[in-house]
Amino acid sequence: ERFELDPERVRLLPAGVLILEAVGDALGLALKIGNGG
């Protein structure tokens, strides 16, 4: 409700964050959020 996101997305988000953190650390670069996929 606070961030205007779907509750199911928020439940999954910590896992997504941890994966992004692991990849960013392995690459040695900060990831920028893209506009497409």
PDB file of all heavy atoms in Angstrom:
ATOM      1  N   GLU A   1       0.826  -1.202   0.000  1.00  0.00           N
ATOM      2  CA  GLU A   1       0.000   0.000   0.000  1.00  0.00           C
ATOM      3  C   GLU A   1       0.865   1.259   0.000  1.00  0.00           C
ATOM      4  O   GLU A   1       0.582   2.214  -0.728  1.00  0.00           O
ATOM      5  CB  GLU A   1      -0.918  -0.003   1.219  1.00  0.00           C
ATOM      6  CG  GLU A   1      -1.886   1.175   1.253  1.00  0.00           C
ATOM      7  CD  GLU A   1      -2.857   1.081   2.405  1.00  0.00           C
ATOM      8  OE1 GLU A   1      -2.797   0.091   3.170  1.00  0.00           O
ATOM      9  OE2 GLU A   1      -3.689   2.003   2.539  1.00  0.00           O
ATOM     10  N   ARG A   2       1.942   1.231   0.768  1.00  0.00           N
ATOM     11  CA  ARG A   2       2.811   2.407   0.874  1.00  0.00           C
ATOM     12  C   ARG A   2       3.483   2.738  -0.450  1.00  0.00           C
ATOM     13  O   ARG A   2       3.589   3.913  -0.820  1.00  0.00           O
ATOM     14  CB  ARG A   2       3.865   2.138   1.942  1.00  0.00           C
ATOM     15  CG  ARG A   2       4.885   3.255   2.120  1.00  0.00           C
ATOM     16  CD  ARG A   2       5.826   2.921   3.265  1.00  0.00           C
ATOM     17  NE  ARG A   2       6.960   3.808   3.327  1.00  0.00           N
ATOM     18  CZ  ARG A   2       7.985   3.656   4.156  1.00  0.00           C
ATOM     19  NH1 ARG A   2       7.993   2.639   5.005  1.00  0.00           N
ATOM     20  NH2 ARG A   2       8.995   4.504   4.134  1.00  0.00           N
ATOM     21  N   PHE A   3       3.937   1.709  -1.172  1.00  0.00           N
ATOM     22  CA  PHE A   3       4.685   1.948  -2.411  1.00  0.00           C
ATOM     23  C   PHE A   3       3.868   1.681  -3.669  1.00  0.00           C
ATOM     24  O   PHE A   3       4.410   1.680  -4.767  1.00  0.00           O
ATOM     25  CB  PHE A   3       5.952   1.081  -2.419  1.00  0.00           C
ATOM     26  CG  PHE A   3       6.978   1.525  -1.417  1.00  0.00           C
ATOM     27  CD1 PHE A   3       7.083   0.871  -0.189  1.00  0.00           C
ATOM     28  CD2 PHE A   3       7.811   2.601  -1.675  1.00  0.00           C
ATOM     29  CE1 PHE A   3       8.024   1.274   0.748  1.00  0.00           C
ATOM     30  CE2 PHE A   3       8.756   3.009  -0.750  1.00  0.00           C
ATOM     31  CZ  PHE A   3       8.859   2.358   0.465  1.00  0.00           C
ATOM     32  N   GLU A   4       2.579   1.424  -3.518  1.00  0.00           N
ATOM     33  CA  GLU A   4       1.667   1.196  -4.639  1.00  0.00           C
ATOM     34  C   GLU A   4       2.141   0.031  -5.508  1.00  0.00           C
ATOM     35  O   GLU A   4       2.274   0.136  -6.726  1.00  0.00           O
ATOM     36  CB  GLU A   4       1.505   2.473  -5.477  1.00  0.00           C
ATOM     37  CG  GLU A   4       0.895   3.626  -4.692  1.00  0.00           C
ATOM     38  CD  GLU A   4       0.730   4.880  -5.518  1.00  0.00           C
ATOM     39  OE1 GLU A   4       1.403   4.992  -6.562  1.00  0.00           O
ATOM     40  OE2 GLU A   4      -0.062   5.744  -5.136  1.00  0.00           O
ATOM     41  N   LEU A   5       2.419  -1.082  -4.849  1.00  0.00           N
ATOM     42  CA  LEU A   5       2.833  -2.308  -5.519  1.00  0.00           C
ATOM     43  C   LEU A   5       1.858  -3.427  -5.186  1.00  0.00           C
ATOM     44  O   LEU A   5       1.099  -3.341  -4.213  1.00  0.00           O
ATOM     45  CB  LEU A   5       4.242  -2.717  -5.060  1.00  0.00           C
ATOM     46  CG  LEU A   5       5.387  -1.785  -5.440  1.00  0.00           C
ATOM     47  CD1 LEU A   5       6.656  -2.172  -4.691  1.00  0.00           C
ATOM     48  CD2 LEU A   5       5.632  -1.803  -6.942  1.00  0.00           C
ATOM     49  N   ASP A   6       1.869  -4.472  -5.980  1.00  0.00           N
ATOM     50  CA  ASP A   6       1.032  -5.634  -5.697  1.00  0.00           C
ATOM     51  C   ASP A   6       1.595  -6.370  -4.484  1.00  0.00           C
ATOM     52  O   ASP A   6       2.807  -6.574  -4.378  1.00  0.00           O
ATOM     53  CB  ASP A   6       1.030  -6.564  -6.927  1.00  0.00           C
ATOM     54  CG  ASP A   6       0.003  -7.664  -6.799  1.00  0.00           C
ATOM     55  OD1 ASP A   6       0.217  -8.579  -5.976  1.00  0.00           O
ATOM     56  OD2 ASP A   6      -1.005  -7.618  -7.526  1.00  0.00           O
ATOM     57  N   PRO A   7       0.743  -6.783  -3.531  1.00  0.00           N
ATOM     58  CA  PRO A   7       1.250  -7.504  -2.353  1.00  0.00           C
ATOM     59  C   PRO A   7       2.063  -8.746  -2.702  1.00  0.00           C
ATOM     60  O   PRO A   7       3.043  -9.062  -2.021  1.00  0.00           O
ATOM     61  CB  PRO A   7      -0.029  -7.865  -1.583  1.00  0.00           C
ATOM     62  CG  PRO A   7      -1.024  -6.835  -1.992  1.00  0.00           C
ATOM     63  CD  PRO A   7      -0.711  -6.530  -3.424  1.00  0.00           C
ATOM     64  N   GLU A   8       1.677  -9.451  -3.761  1.00  0.00           N
ATOM     65  CA  GLU A   8       2.431 -10.643  -4.154  1.00  0.00           C
ATOM     66  C   GLU A   8       3.823 -10.265  -4.649  1.00  0.00           C
ATOM     67  O   GLU A   8       4.805 -10.956  -4.367  1.00  0.00           O
ATOM     68  CB  GLU A   8       1.680 -11.420  -5.241  1.00  0.00           C
ATOM     69  CG  GLU A   8       2.339 -12.729  -5.651  1.00  0.00           C
ATOM     70  CD  GLU A   8       2.383 -13.773  -4.536  1.00  0.00           C
ATOM     71  OE1 GLU A   8       1.720 -13.591  -3.504  1.00  0.00           O
ATOM     72  OE2 GLU A   8       3.093 -14.782  -4.706  1.00  0.00           O
ATOM     73  N   ARG A   9       3.931  -9.138  -5.349  1.00  0.00           N
ATOM     74  CA  ARG A   9       5.254  -8.676  -5.779  1.00  0.00           C
ATOM     75  C   ARG A   9       6.120  -8.329  -4.577  1.00  0.00           C
ATOM     76  O   ARG A   9       7.308  -8.662  -4.548  1.00  0.00           O
ATOM     77  CB  ARG A   9       5.112  -7.463  -6.699  1.00  0.00           C
ATOM     78  CG  ARG A   9       6.433  -6.767  -7.058  1.00  0.00           C
ATOM     79  CD  ARG A   9       7.423  -7.716  -7.697  1.00  0.00           C
ATOM     80  NE  ARG A   9       6.985  -8.158  -8.998  1.00  0.00           N
ATOM     81  CZ  ARG A   9       7.529  -9.186  -9.658  1.00  0.00           C
ATOM     82  NH1 ARG A   9       8.494  -9.891  -9.099  1.00  0.00           N
ATOM     83  NH2 ARG A   9       7.086  -9.538 -10.852  1.00  0.00           N
ATOM     84  N   VAL A  10       5.533  -7.686  -3.570  1.00  0.00           N
ATOM     85  CA  VAL A  10       6.308  -7.326  -2.381  1.00  0.00           C
ATOM     86  C   VAL A  10       6.771  -8.587  -1.649  1.00  0.00           C
ATOM     87  O   VAL A  10       7.891  -8.639  -1.131  1.00  0.00           O
ATOM     88  CB  VAL A  10       5.490  -6.412  -1.445  1.00  0.00           C
ATOM     89  CG1 VAL A  10       6.256  -6.139  -0.157  1.00  0.00           C
ATOM     90  CG2 VAL A  10       5.163  -5.103  -2.149  1.00  0.00           C
ATOM     91  N   ARG A  11       5.951  -9.628  -1.632  1.00  0.00           N
ATOM     92  CA  ARG A  11       6.345 -10.877  -0.975  1.00  0.00           C
ATOM     93  C   ARG A  11       7.550 -11.502  -1.679  1.00  0.00           C
ATOM     94  O   ARG A  11       8.437 -12.080  -1.031  1.00  0.00           O
ATOM     95  CB  ARG A  11       5.182 -11.871  -0.968  1.00  0.00           C
ATOM     96  CG  ARG A  11       5.404 -13.054  -0.027  1.00  0.00           C
ATOM     97  CD  ARG A  11       4.337 -14.116  -0.176  1.00  0.00           C
ATOM     98  NE  ARG A  11       4.545 -14.936  -1.356  1.00  0.00           N
ATOM     99  CZ  ARG A  11       5.435 -15.930  -1.436  1.00  0.00           C
ATOM    100  NH1 ARG A  11       6.249 -16.180  -0.418  1.00  0.00           N
ATOM    101  NH2 ARG A  11       5.546 -16.647  -2.535  1.00  0.00           N
ATOM    102  N   LEU A  12       7.606 -11.374  -3.001  1.00  0.00           N
ATOM    103  CA  LEU A  12       8.695 -11.953  -3.782  1.00  0.00           C
ATOM    104  C   LEU A  12       9.926 -11.057  -3.828  1.00  0.00           C
ATOM    105  O   LEU A  12      11.035 -11.522  -4.111  1.00  0.00           O
ATOM    106  CB  LEU A  12       8.220 -12.204  -5.223  1.00  0.00           C
ATOM    107  CG  LEU A  12       7.099 -13.216  -5.420  1.00  0.00           C
ATOM    108  CD1 LEU A  12       6.542 -13.110  -6.826  1.00  0.00           C
ATOM    109  CD2 LEU A  12       7.603 -14.617  -5.147  1.00  0.00           C
ATOM    110  N   LEU A  13       9.738  -9.782  -3.529  1.00  0.00           N
ATOM    111  CA  LEU A  13      10.789  -8.797  -3.765  1.00  0.00           C
ATOM    112  C   LEU A  13      12.068  -9.032  -2.960  1.00  0.00           C
ATOM    113  O   LEU A  13      13.169  -8.850  -3.503  1.00  0.00           O
ATOM    114  CB  LEU A  13      10.236  -7.394  -3.509  1.00  0.00           C
ATOM    115  CG  LEU A  13      10.966  -6.216  -4.168  1.00  0.00           C
ATOM    116  CD1 LEU A  13      11.254  -6.472  -5.628  1.00  0.00           C
ATOM    117  CD2 LEU A  13      10.135  -4.942  -3.998  1.00  0.00           C
ATOM    118  N   PRO A  14      12.010  -9.434  -1.670  1.00  0.00           N
ATOM    119  CA  PRO A  14      13.275  -9.675  -0.973  1.00  0.00           C
ATOM    120  C   PRO A  14      14.164 -10.686  -1.690  1.00  0.00           C
ATOM    121  O   PRO A  14      15.384 -10.519  -1.757  1.00  0.00           O
ATOM    122  CB  PRO A  14      12.830 -10.191   0.397  1.00  0.00           C
ATOM    123  CG  PRO A  14      11.464  -9.630   0.592  1.00  0.00           C
ATOM    124  CD  PRO A  14      10.848  -9.615  -0.775  1.00  0.00           C
ATOM    125  N   ALA A  15      13.558 -11.726  -2.244  1.00  0.00           N
ATOM    126  CA  ALA A  15      14.334 -12.726  -2.981  1.00  0.00           C
ATOM    127  C   ALA A  15      14.951 -12.104  -4.231  1.00  0.00           C
ATOM    128  O   ALA A  15      16.124 -12.351  -4.548  1.00  0.00           O
ATOM    129  CB  ALA A  15      13.441 -13.906  -3.355  1.00  0.00           C
ATOM    130  N   GLY A  16      14.174 -11.295  -4.951  1.00  0.00           N
ATOM    131  CA  GLY A  16      14.710 -10.628  -6.131  1.00  0.00           C
ATOM    132  C   GLY A  16      15.859  -9.700  -5.787  1.00  0.00           C
ATOM    133  O   GLY A  16      16.870  -9.637  -6.503  1.00  0.00           O
ATOM    134  N   VAL A  17      15.720  -8.979  -4.676  1.00  0.00           N
ATOM    135  CA  VAL A  17      16.779  -8.065  -4.232  1.00  0.00           C
ATOM    136  C   VAL A  17      18.060  -8.839  -3.944  1.00  0.00           C
ATOM    137  O   VAL A  17      19.166  -8.424  -4.332  1.00  0.00           O
ATOM    138  CB  VAL A  17      16.340  -7.271  -2.988  1.00  0.00           C
ATOM    139  CG1 VAL A  17      17.511  -6.487  -2.403  1.00  0.00           C
ATOM    140  CG2 VAL A  17      15.200  -6.327  -3.325  1.00  0.00           C
ATOM    141  N   LEU A  18      17.948  -9.973  -3.266  1.00  0.00           N
ATOM    142  CA  LEU A  18      19.127 -10.756  -2.906  1.00  0.00           C
ATOM    143  C   LEU A  18      19.834 -11.310  -4.142  1.00  0.00           C
ATOM    144  O   LEU A  18      21.068 -11.401  -4.183  1.00  0.00           O
ATOM    145  CB  LEU A  18      18.737 -11.883  -1.951  1.00  0.00           C
ATOM    146  CG  LEU A  18      18.276 -11.421  -0.571  1.00  0.00           C
ATOM    147  CD1 LEU A  18      17.726 -12.599   0.230  1.00  0.00           C
ATOM    148  CD2 LEU A  18      19.413 -10.750   0.192  1.00  0.00           C
ATOM    149  N   ILE A  19      19.067 -11.668  -5.166  1.00  0.00           N
ATOM    150  CA  ILE A  19      19.678 -12.132  -6.417  1.00  0.00           C
ATOM    151  C   ILE A  19      20.396 -10.978  -7.112  1.00  0.00           C
ATOM    152  O   ILE A  19      21.542 -11.113  -7.571  1.00  0.00           O
ATOM    153  CB  ILE A  19      18.618 -12.759  -7.342  1.00  0.00           C
ATOM    154  CG1 ILE A  19      18.032 -14.021  -6.701  1.00  0.00           C
ATOM    155  CG2 ILE A  19      19.233 -13.105  -8.706  1.00  0.00           C
ATOM    156  CD1 ILE A  19      16.825 -14.577  -7.420  1.00  0.00           C
ATOM    157  N   LEU A  20      19.739  -9.828  -7.185  1.00  0.00           N
ATOM    158  CA  LEU A  20      20.377  -8.664  -7.799  1.00  0.00           C
ATOM    159  C   LEU A  20      21.642  -8.264  -7.048  1.00  0.00           C
ATOM    160  O   LEU A  20      22.652  -7.890  -7.661  1.00  0.00           O
ATOM    161  CB  LEU A  20      19.386  -7.500  -7.836  1.00  0.00           C
ATOM    162  CG  LEU A  20      18.227  -7.649  -8.826  1.00  0.00           C
ATOM    163  CD1 LEU A  20      17.126  -6.629  -8.517  1.00  0.00           C
ATOM    164  CD2 LEU A  20      18.716  -7.471 -10.259  1.00  0.00           C
ATOM    165  N   GLU A  21      21.593  -8.332  -5.728  1.00  0.00           N
ATOM    166  CA  GLU A  21      22.759  -8.008  -4.909  1.00  0.00           C
ATOM    167  C   GLU A  21      23.907  -8.978  -5.215  1.00  0.00           C
ATOM    168  O   GLU A  21      25.068  -8.557  -5.386  1.00  0.00           O
ATOM    169  CB  GLU A  21      22.394  -8.091  -3.433  1.00  0.00           C
ATOM    170  CG  GLU A  21      23.535  -7.792  -2.478  1.00  0.00           C
ATOM    171  CD  GLU A  21      23.105  -7.980  -1.030  1.00  0.00           C
ATOM    172  OE1 GLU A  21      22.917  -9.151  -0.610  1.00  0.00           O
ATOM    173  OE2 GLU A  21      22.940  -6.971  -0.335  1.00  0.00           O
ATOM    174  N   ALA A  22      23.597 -10.275  -5.300  1.00  0.00           N
ATOM    175  CA  ALA A  22      24.624 -11.276  -5.568  1.00  0.00           C
ATOM    176  C   ALA A  22      25.252 -11.077  -6.944  1.00  0.00           C
ATOM    177  O   ALA A  22      26.474 -11.182  -7.103  1.00  0.00           O
ATOM    178  CB  ALA A  22      24.028 -12.683  -5.448  1.00  0.00           C
ATOM    179  N   VAL A  23      24.420 -10.770  -7.946  1.00  0.00           N
ATOM    180  CA  VAL A  23      24.954 -10.565  -9.297  1.00  0.00           C
ATOM    181  C   VAL A  23      25.787  -9.286  -9.352  1.00  0.00           C
ATOM    182  O   VAL A  23      26.875  -9.262  -9.929  1.00  0.00           O
ATOM    183  CB  VAL A  23      23.816 -10.509 -10.335  1.00  0.00           C
ATOM    184  CG1 VAL A  23      24.379 -10.188 -11.718  1.00  0.00           C
ATOM    185  CG2 VAL A  23      23.058 -11.821 -10.383  1.00  0.00           C
ATOM    186  N   GLY A  24      25.275  -8.204  -8.762  1.00  0.00           N
ATOM    187  CA  GLY A  24      26.022  -6.950  -8.752  1.00  0.00           C
ATOM    188  C   GLY A  24      27.378  -7.107  -8.080  1.00  0.00           C
ATOM    189  O   GLY A  24      28.397  -6.605  -8.574  1.00  0.00           O
ATOM    190  N   ASP A  25      27.403  -7.831  -6.960  1.00  0.00           N
ATOM    191  CA  ASP A  25      28.672  -8.066  -6.265  1.00  0.00           C
ATOM    192  C   ASP A  25      29.618  -8.896  -7.137  1.00  0.00           C
ATOM    193  O   ASP A  25      30.827  -8.638  -7.182  1.00  0.00           O
ATOM    194  CB  ASP A  25      28.429  -8.782  -4.937  1.00  0.00           C
ATOM    195  CG  ASP A  25      27.782  -7.873  -3.892  1.00  0.00           C
ATOM    196  OD1 ASP A  25      27.694  -6.652  -4.130  1.00  0.00           O
ATOM    197  OD2 ASP A  25      27.357  -8.397  -2.839  1.00  0.00           O
ATOM    198  N   ALA A  26      29.071  -9.901  -7.821  1.00  0.00           N
ATOM    199  CA  ALA A  26      29.911 -10.758  -8.665  1.00  0.00           C
ATOM    200  C   ALA A  26      30.467  -9.999  -9.864  1.00  0.00           C
ATOM    201  O   ALA A  26      31.608 -10.231 -10.288  1.00  0.00           O
ATOM    202  CB  ALA A  26      29.109 -11.978  -9.138  1.00  0.00           C
ATOM    203  N   LEU A  27      29.673  -9.086 -10.417  1.00  0.00           N
ATOM    204  CA  LEU A  27      30.118  -8.293 -11.565  1.00  0.00           C
ATOM    205  C   LEU A  27      31.026  -7.143 -11.138  1.00  0.00           C
ATOM    206  O   LEU A  27      31.784  -6.618 -11.956  1.00  0.00           O
ATOM    207  CB  LEU A  27      28.916  -7.729 -12.335  1.00  0.00           C
ATOM    208  CG  LEU A  27      28.007  -8.737 -13.037  1.00  0.00           C
ATOM    209  CD1 LEU A  27      26.812  -8.007 -13.660  1.00  0.00           C
ATOM    210  CD2 LEU A  27      28.765  -9.513 -14.105  1.00  0.00           C
ATOM    211  N   GLY A  28      30.896  -6.713  -9.892  1.00  0.00           N
ATOM    212  CA  GLY A  28      31.689  -5.593  -9.408  1.00  0.00           C
ATOM    213  C   GLY A  28      31.194  -4.250  -9.893  1.00  0.00           C
ATOM    214  O   GLY A  28      31.953  -3.279  -9.934  1.00  0.00           O
ATOM    215  N   LEU A  29      29.907  -4.182 -10.258  1.00  0.00           N
ATOM    216  CA  LEU A  29      29.316  -2.937 -10.742  1.00  0.00           C
ATOM    217  C   LEU A  29      27.930  -2.755 -10.141  1.00  0.00           C
ATOM    218  O   LEU A  29      27.203  -3.732  -9.934  1.00  0.00           O
ATOM    219  CB  LEU A  29      29.164  -2.946 -12.269  1.00  0.00           C
ATOM    220  CG  LEU A  29      30.373  -2.603 -13.139  1.00  0.00           C
ATOM    221  CD1 LEU A  29      29.979  -2.723 -14.601  1.00  0.00           C
ATOM    222  CD2 LEU A  29      30.877  -1.201 -12.848  1.00  0.00           C
ATOM    223  N   ALA A  30      27.550  -1.496  -9.896  1.00  0.00           N
ATOM    224  CA  ALA A  30      26.169  -1.212  -9.499  1.00  0.00           C
ATOM    225  C   ALA A  30      25.268  -1.376 -10.718  1.00  0.00           C
ATOM    226  O   ALA A  30      25.616  -0.959 -11.822  1.00  0.00           O
ATOM    227  CB  ALA A  30      26.066   0.209  -8.953  1.00  0.00           C
ATOM    228  N   LEU A  31      24.113  -2.003 -10.515  1.00  0.00           N
ATOM    229  CA  LEU A  31      23.160  -2.199 -11.604  1.00  0.00           C
ATOM    230  C   LEU A  31      22.225  -0.996 -11.697  1.00  0.00           C
ATOM    231  O   LEU A  31      21.712  -0.531 -10.683  1.00  0.00           O
ATOM    232  CB  LEU A  31      22.334  -3.462 -11.355  1.00  0.00           C
ATOM    233  CG  LEU A  31      23.095  -4.760 -11.092  1.00  0.00           C
ATOM    234  CD1 LEU A  31      22.126  -5.874 -10.725  1.00  0.00           C
ATOM    235  CD2 LEU A  31      23.915  -5.155 -12.302  1.00  0.00           C
ATOM    236  N   LYS A  32      22.002  -0.524 -12.910  1.00  0.00           N
ATOM    237  CA  LYS A  32      20.997   0.511 -13.119  1.00  0.00           C
ATOM    238  C   LYS A  32      19.705  -0.161 -13.576  1.00  0.00           C
ATOM    239  O   LYS A  32      19.743  -1.136 -14.334  1.00  0.00           O
ATOM    240  CB  LYS A  32      21.473   1.517 -14.168  1.00  0.00           C
ATOM    241  CG  LYS A  32      22.706   2.304 -13.739  1.00  0.00           C
ATOM    242  CD  LYS A  32      23.060   3.362 -14.770  1.00  0.00           C
ATOM    243  CE  LYS A  32      24.323   4.119 -14.358  1.00  0.00           C
ATOM    244  NZ  LYS A  32      24.147   4.868 -13.111  1.00  0.00           N
ATOM    245  N   ILE A  33      18.570   0.335 -13.122  1.00  0.00           N
ATOM    246  CA  ILE A  33      17.293  -0.258 -13.510  1.00  0.00           C
ATOM    247  C   ILE A  33      16.991   0.118 -14.956  1.00  0.00           C
ATOM    248  O   ILE A  33      16.985   1.298 -15.319  1.00  0.00           O
ATOM    249  CB  ILE A  33      16.158   0.211 -12.586  1.00  0.00           C
ATOM    250  CG1 ILE A  33      16.450  -0.224 -11.147  1.00  0.00           C
ATOM    251  CG2 ILE A  33      14.818  -0.355 -13.056  1.00  0.00           C
ATOM    252  CD1 ILE A  33      15.438   0.281 -10.140  1.00  0.00           C
ATOM    253  N   GLY A  34      16.752  -0.884 -15.788  1.00  0.00           N
ATOM    254  CA  GLY A  34      16.481  -0.656 -17.200  1.00  0.00           C
ATOM    255  C   GLY A  34      15.021  -0.314 -17.462  1.00  0.00           C
ATOM    256  O   GLY A  34      14.163  -0.399 -16.575  1.00  0.00           O
ATOM    257  N   ASN A  35      14.754   0.033 -18.701  1.00  0.00           N
ATOM    258  CA  ASN A  35      13.395   0.386 -19.120  1.00  0.00           C
ATOM    259  C   ASN A  35      12.735  -0.692 -19.974  1.00  0.00           C
ATOM    260  O   ASN A  35      11.603  -0.509 -20.420  1.00  0.00           O
ATOM    261  CB  ASN A  35      13.423   1.702 -19.913  1.00  0.00           C
ATOM    262  CG  ASN A  35      13.947   2.860 -19.097  1.00  0.00           C
ATOM    263  OD1 ASN A  35      13.522   3.071 -17.964  1.00  0.00           O
ATOM    264  ND2 ASN A  35      14.895   3.609 -19.645  1.00  0.00           N
ATOM    265  N   GLY A  36      13.442  -1.774 -20.207  1.00  0.00           N
ATOM    266  CA  GLY A  36      12.879  -2.819 -21.061  1.00  0.00           C
ATOM    267  C   GLY A  36      13.530  -4.147 -20.777  1.00  0.00           C
ATOM    268  O   GLY A  36      14.533  -4.239 -20.061  1.00  0.00           O
ATOM    269  N   GLY A  37      12.946  -5.208 -21.352  1.00  0.00           N
ATOM    270  CA  GLY A  37      13.456  -6.552 -21.154  1.00  0.00           C
ATOM    271  C   GLY A  37      12.914  -7.472 -22.221  1.00  0.00           C
ATOM    272  O   GLY A  37      12.820  -7.112 -23.396  1.00  0.00           O
TER     273      GLY A  37
END
